[in-house]
Amino acid sequence: MYRLLFSFPDITTIHANENSIDFPELDISLNANFTKKCDNLGLLGPDGLSTQNDFPKGVEAWAGNKDGFVEALINEAKNQGARIWFNAKVHNVIKSKEFD
């Protein structure tokens, strides 16, 4: 199942193509194997009314699988040296000046 890929708070730009999804504000690029380009937008209302429109020139939309997106973020974090623990309890957070 595909869901719309949308901009998160403080992220104003997402560049998508067939090979990668780029988030310039985060300085990361994710493998785009979890996305699919949308050619048009279709809406179905509660009364069965529907519409289908082509995107205006210069506007593109991409849909992405949520689990694939999370996996791509995890892989990017690991590639950058992060250690990830799932279902782990956090006891303390130490702020490093290295990341200020």
N, C-alpha and C. Protein backbone atom coordinates (compact mmCIF):
# COMPACT_ATOMS: atom_id res chain seq x y z
N MET A 1 0.85 -1.18 0.00
CA MET A 1 0.00 0.00 0.00
C MET A 1 0.89 1.24 0.00
N TYR A 2 0.54 2.22 -0.79
CA TYR A 2 1.30 3.46 -0.88
C TYR A 2 0.57 4.59 -0.17
N ARG A 3 1.34 5.46 0.43
CA ARG A 3 0.80 6.65 1.08
C ARG A 3 1.51 7.86 0.50
N LEU A 4 0.96 9.02 0.67
CA LEU A 4 1.60 10.23 0.18
C LEU A 4 2.84 10.54 0.99
N LEU A 5 3.91 10.90 0.32
CA LEU A 5 5.12 11.37 0.98
C LEU A 5 4.98 12.87 1.11
N PHE A 6 5.09 13.37 2.33
CA PHE A 6 4.86 14.78 2.55
C PHE A 6 6.05 15.39 3.27
N SER A 7 6.07 16.69 3.32
CA SER A 7 7.15 17.41 3.97
C SER A 7 6.93 17.44 5.48
N PHE A 8 7.97 17.16 6.22
CA PHE A 8 7.93 17.17 7.67
C PHE A 8 8.22 18.58 8.18
N PRO A 9 7.89 18.89 9.44
CA PRO A 9 8.20 20.22 9.97
C PRO A 9 9.68 20.56 9.76
N ASP A 10 9.95 21.79 9.40
CA ASP A 10 11.31 22.31 9.17
C ASP A 10 11.97 21.75 7.93
N ILE A 11 11.26 20.95 7.14
CA ILE A 11 11.80 20.48 5.87
C ILE A 11 10.94 21.10 4.78
N THR A 12 11.53 21.97 4.00
CA THR A 12 10.76 22.66 2.97
C THR A 12 11.01 22.13 1.57
N THR A 13 12.06 21.31 1.43
CA THR A 13 12.42 20.83 0.09
C THR A 13 12.65 19.33 0.10
N ILE A 14 12.01 18.65 -0.81
CA ILE A 14 12.26 17.22 -1.05
C ILE A 14 12.50 17.07 -2.54
N HIS A 15 13.64 16.54 -2.92
CA HIS A 15 13.93 16.26 -4.33
C HIS A 15 13.78 14.77 -4.54
N ALA A 16 12.93 14.39 -5.47
CA ALA A 16 12.68 12.98 -5.74
C ALA A 16 12.99 12.67 -7.19
N ASN A 17 13.61 11.52 -7.40
CA ASN A 17 13.80 11.00 -8.75
C ASN A 17 13.75 9.49 -8.67
N GLU A 18 14.00 8.82 -9.76
CA GLU A 18 13.86 7.37 -9.77
C GLU A 18 14.89 6.66 -8.91
N ASN A 19 16.01 7.31 -8.58
CA ASN A 19 17.08 6.66 -7.82
C ASN A 19 17.16 7.06 -6.36
N SER A 20 16.73 8.29 -6.03
CA SER A 20 16.89 8.74 -4.65
C SER A 20 15.84 9.76 -4.26
N ILE A 21 15.65 9.88 -2.96
CA ILE A 21 14.84 10.93 -2.36
C ILE A 21 15.83 11.76 -1.56
N ASP A 22 15.96 13.05 -1.88
CA ASP A 22 16.95 13.91 -1.24
C ASP A 22 16.25 14.92 -0.33
N PHE A 23 16.77 15.05 0.89
CA PHE A 23 16.29 16.02 1.87
C PHE A 23 17.43 17.00 2.13
N PRO A 24 17.52 18.10 1.35
CA PRO A 24 18.65 19.03 1.48
C PRO A 24 18.83 19.60 2.89
N GLU A 25 17.72 19.92 3.59
CA GLU A 25 17.85 20.48 4.94
C GLU A 25 18.48 19.50 5.92
N LEU A 26 18.28 18.22 5.68
CA LEU A 26 18.86 17.20 6.55
C LEU A 26 20.20 16.69 6.03
N ASP A 27 20.54 17.09 4.81
CA ASP A 27 21.77 16.66 4.15
C ASP A 27 21.83 15.14 4.03
N ILE A 28 20.68 14.53 3.68
CA ILE A 28 20.66 13.08 3.45
C ILE A 28 19.98 12.77 2.12
N SER A 29 20.35 11.64 1.58
CA SER A 29 19.77 11.13 0.35
C SER A 29 19.44 9.66 0.60
N LEU A 30 18.20 9.28 0.37
CA LEU A 30 17.75 7.91 0.62
C LEU A 30 17.51 7.18 -0.69
N ASN A 31 17.77 5.89 -0.69
CA ASN A 31 17.47 5.06 -1.83
C ASN A 31 15.97 5.14 -2.10
N ALA A 32 15.58 5.34 -3.34
CA ALA A 32 14.17 5.56 -3.67
C ALA A 32 13.42 4.28 -4.00
N ASN A 33 13.93 3.12 -3.59
CA ASN A 33 13.25 1.88 -3.94
C ASN A 33 11.90 1.72 -3.25
N PHE A 34 11.56 2.61 -2.31
CA PHE A 34 10.27 2.53 -1.64
C PHE A 34 9.26 3.53 -2.21
N THR A 35 9.61 4.19 -3.31
CA THR A 35 8.73 5.22 -3.86
C THR A 35 8.25 4.88 -5.27
N LYS A 36 7.22 5.57 -5.64
CA LYS A 36 6.68 5.44 -6.99
C LYS A 36 6.16 6.81 -7.42
N LYS A 37 6.54 7.25 -8.61
CA LYS A 37 6.09 8.55 -9.10
C LYS A 37 4.61 8.49 -9.46
N CYS A 38 3.88 9.54 -9.09
CA CYS A 38 2.45 9.64 -9.41
C CYS A 38 2.29 10.52 -10.64
N ASP A 39 1.51 10.07 -11.59
CA ASP A 39 1.27 10.86 -12.80
C ASP A 39 0.13 11.84 -12.63
N ASN A 40 -0.81 11.52 -11.75
CA ASN A 40 -1.93 12.42 -11.52
C ASN A 40 -2.49 12.19 -10.12
N LEU A 41 -3.38 13.06 -9.70
CA LEU A 41 -3.97 12.99 -8.38
C LEU A 41 -5.44 12.66 -8.52
N GLY A 42 -5.87 11.61 -7.85
CA GLY A 42 -7.28 11.24 -7.87
C GLY A 42 -7.84 11.31 -6.46
N LEU A 43 -9.02 11.86 -6.33
CA LEU A 43 -9.69 11.97 -5.04
C LEU A 43 -11.06 11.30 -5.13
N LEU A 44 -11.42 10.59 -4.08
CA LEU A 44 -12.72 9.94 -4.02
C LEU A 44 -13.43 10.43 -2.76
N GLY A 45 -14.55 11.09 -2.94
CA GLY A 45 -15.29 11.65 -1.82
C GLY A 45 -16.23 10.64 -1.20
N PRO A 46 -16.83 11.01 -0.06
CA PRO A 46 -17.72 10.08 0.66
C PRO A 46 -18.99 9.73 -0.11
N ASP A 47 -19.42 10.56 -1.04
CA ASP A 47 -20.62 10.28 -1.82
C ASP A 47 -20.30 9.62 -3.15
N GLY A 48 -19.06 9.16 -3.30
CA GLY A 48 -18.66 8.51 -4.54
C GLY A 48 -18.22 9.48 -5.62
N LEU A 49 -18.22 10.77 -5.31
CA LEU A 49 -17.75 11.76 -6.28
C LEU A 49 -16.24 11.67 -6.39
N SER A 50 -15.74 11.73 -7.58
CA SER A 50 -14.30 11.60 -7.74
C SER A 50 -13.77 12.63 -8.71
N THR A 51 -12.49 12.87 -8.62
CA THR A 51 -11.81 13.77 -9.53
C THR A 51 -10.43 13.20 -9.82
N GLN A 52 -9.92 13.49 -10.96
CA GLN A 52 -8.58 13.06 -11.31
C GLN A 52 -7.96 14.16 -12.15
N ASN A 53 -6.86 14.72 -11.66
CA ASN A 53 -6.23 15.85 -12.33
C ASN A 53 -4.76 15.57 -12.58
N ASP A 54 -4.28 16.08 -13.71
CA ASP A 54 -2.84 16.05 -13.96
C ASP A 54 -2.20 17.14 -13.11
N PHE A 55 -0.96 16.93 -12.70
CA PHE A 55 -0.27 17.94 -11.92
C PHE A 55 0.12 19.10 -12.82
N PRO A 56 0.13 20.32 -12.27
CA PRO A 56 0.56 21.47 -13.07
C PRO A 56 2.02 21.29 -13.51
N LYS A 57 2.39 21.97 -14.57
CA LYS A 57 3.76 21.89 -15.08
C LYS A 57 4.74 22.26 -13.97
N GLY A 58 5.78 21.44 -13.80
CA GLY A 58 6.80 21.68 -12.79
C GLY A 58 6.51 21.07 -11.44
N VAL A 59 5.32 20.49 -11.26
CA VAL A 59 4.96 19.87 -9.97
C VAL A 59 4.96 18.36 -10.14
N GLU A 60 5.63 17.68 -9.23
CA GLU A 60 5.66 16.22 -9.23
C GLU A 60 5.19 15.71 -7.88
N ALA A 61 4.68 14.51 -7.86
CA ALA A 61 4.29 13.87 -6.61
C ALA A 61 4.84 12.45 -6.61
N TRP A 62 5.26 12.03 -5.43
CA TRP A 62 5.79 10.69 -5.25
C TRP A 62 5.08 10.07 -4.06
N ALA A 63 4.75 8.81 -4.15
CA ALA A 63 4.15 8.10 -3.04
C ALA A 63 5.18 7.11 -2.52
N GLY A 64 5.16 6.89 -1.22
CA GLY A 64 6.14 5.98 -0.65
C GLY A 64 5.54 5.07 0.39
N ASN A 65 6.09 3.88 0.47
CA ASN A 65 5.70 2.91 1.48
C ASN A 65 6.32 3.33 2.81
N LYS A 66 5.51 3.50 3.86
CA LYS A 66 5.99 3.98 5.16
C LYS A 66 7.09 3.09 5.72
N ASP A 67 6.91 1.79 5.70
CA ASP A 67 7.93 0.88 6.25
C ASP A 67 9.23 0.98 5.47
N GLY A 68 9.13 1.13 4.15
CA GLY A 68 10.32 1.30 3.34
C GLY A 68 11.04 2.60 3.66
N PHE A 69 10.26 3.67 3.93
CA PHE A 69 10.84 4.96 4.28
C PHE A 69 11.59 4.87 5.61
N VAL A 70 10.97 4.24 6.61
CA VAL A 70 11.62 4.06 7.92
C VAL A 70 12.88 3.23 7.77
N GLU A 71 12.84 2.16 7.00
CA GLU A 71 14.02 1.32 6.77
C GLU A 71 15.13 2.11 6.09
N ALA A 72 14.78 2.94 5.11
CA ALA A 72 15.78 3.76 4.43
C ALA A 72 16.42 4.76 5.40
N LEU A 73 15.63 5.36 6.30
CA LEU A 73 16.18 6.27 7.31
C LEU A 73 17.12 5.53 8.26
N ILE A 74 16.74 4.35 8.68
CA ILE A 74 17.58 3.55 9.57
C ILE A 74 18.90 3.21 8.89
N ASN A 75 18.83 2.78 7.65
CA ASN A 75 20.06 2.43 6.92
C ASN A 75 20.97 3.64 6.75
N GLU A 76 20.39 4.81 6.47
CA GLU A 76 21.20 6.03 6.34
C GLU A 76 21.85 6.38 7.67
N ALA A 77 21.11 6.26 8.76
CA ALA A 77 21.67 6.55 10.08
C ALA A 77 22.84 5.61 10.39
N LYS A 78 22.66 4.32 10.09
CA LYS A 78 23.74 3.35 10.31
C LYS A 78 24.95 3.67 9.44
N ASN A 79 24.71 4.07 8.18
CA ASN A 79 25.82 4.43 7.29
C ASN A 79 26.59 5.63 7.80
N GLN A 80 25.92 6.50 8.56
CA GLN A 80 26.57 7.68 9.12
C GLN A 80 27.19 7.40 10.49
N GLY A 81 27.13 6.14 10.94
CA GLY A 81 27.78 5.76 12.20
C GLY A 81 26.88 5.67 13.41
N ALA A 82 25.58 5.83 13.24
CA ALA A 82 24.67 5.74 14.38
C ALA A 82 24.52 4.29 14.81
N ARG A 83 24.37 4.12 16.12
CA ARG A 83 24.03 2.81 16.67
C ARG A 83 22.55 2.86 17.05
N ILE A 84 21.81 1.87 16.63
CA ILE A 84 20.36 1.88 16.83
C ILE A 84 19.94 0.66 17.65
N TRP A 85 19.14 0.92 18.67
CA TRP A 85 18.57 -0.15 19.48
C TRP A 85 17.05 -0.03 19.41
N PHE A 86 16.39 -1.12 19.12
CA PHE A 86 14.93 -1.13 19.07
C PHE A 86 14.40 -1.65 20.39
N ASN A 87 13.27 -1.11 20.81
CA ASN A 87 12.61 -1.52 22.06
C ASN A 87 13.54 -1.38 23.26
N ALA A 88 14.40 -0.38 23.25
CA ALA A 88 15.33 -0.14 24.35
C ALA A 88 14.81 1.02 25.20
N LYS A 89 14.98 0.92 26.50
CA LYS A 89 14.55 1.97 27.41
C LYS A 89 15.67 3.01 27.54
N VAL A 90 15.31 4.28 27.40
CA VAL A 90 16.29 5.37 27.53
C VAL A 90 16.37 5.79 28.98
N HIS A 91 17.58 5.77 29.55
CA HIS A 91 17.78 6.17 30.94
C HIS A 91 18.32 7.58 31.05
N ASN A 92 19.07 8.02 30.04
CA ASN A 92 19.70 9.33 30.10
C ASN A 92 20.05 9.79 28.69
N VAL A 93 20.01 11.08 28.46
CA VAL A 93 20.42 11.64 27.18
C VAL A 93 21.58 12.61 27.46
N ILE A 94 22.68 12.40 26.78
CA ILE A 94 23.86 13.24 26.96
C ILE A 94 24.04 14.06 25.70
N LYS A 95 24.05 15.39 25.87
CA LYS A 95 24.22 16.27 24.73
C LYS A 95 25.72 16.51 24.51
N SER A 96 26.15 16.33 23.29
CA SER A 96 27.55 16.52 22.94
C SER A 96 27.72 17.85 22.23
N LYS A 97 28.75 18.59 22.56
CA LYS A 97 29.01 19.86 21.87
C LYS A 97 29.35 19.63 20.42
N GLU A 98 29.76 18.42 20.07
CA GLU A 98 30.09 18.09 18.68
C GLU A 98 28.91 18.33 17.75
N PHE A 99 27.68 18.22 18.24
CA PHE A 99 26.50 18.35 17.41
C PHE A 99 25.81 19.69 17.53
N ASP A 100 26.38 20.64 18.26
CA ASP A 100 25.77 21.97 18.41
C ASP A 100 25.82 22.73 17.11
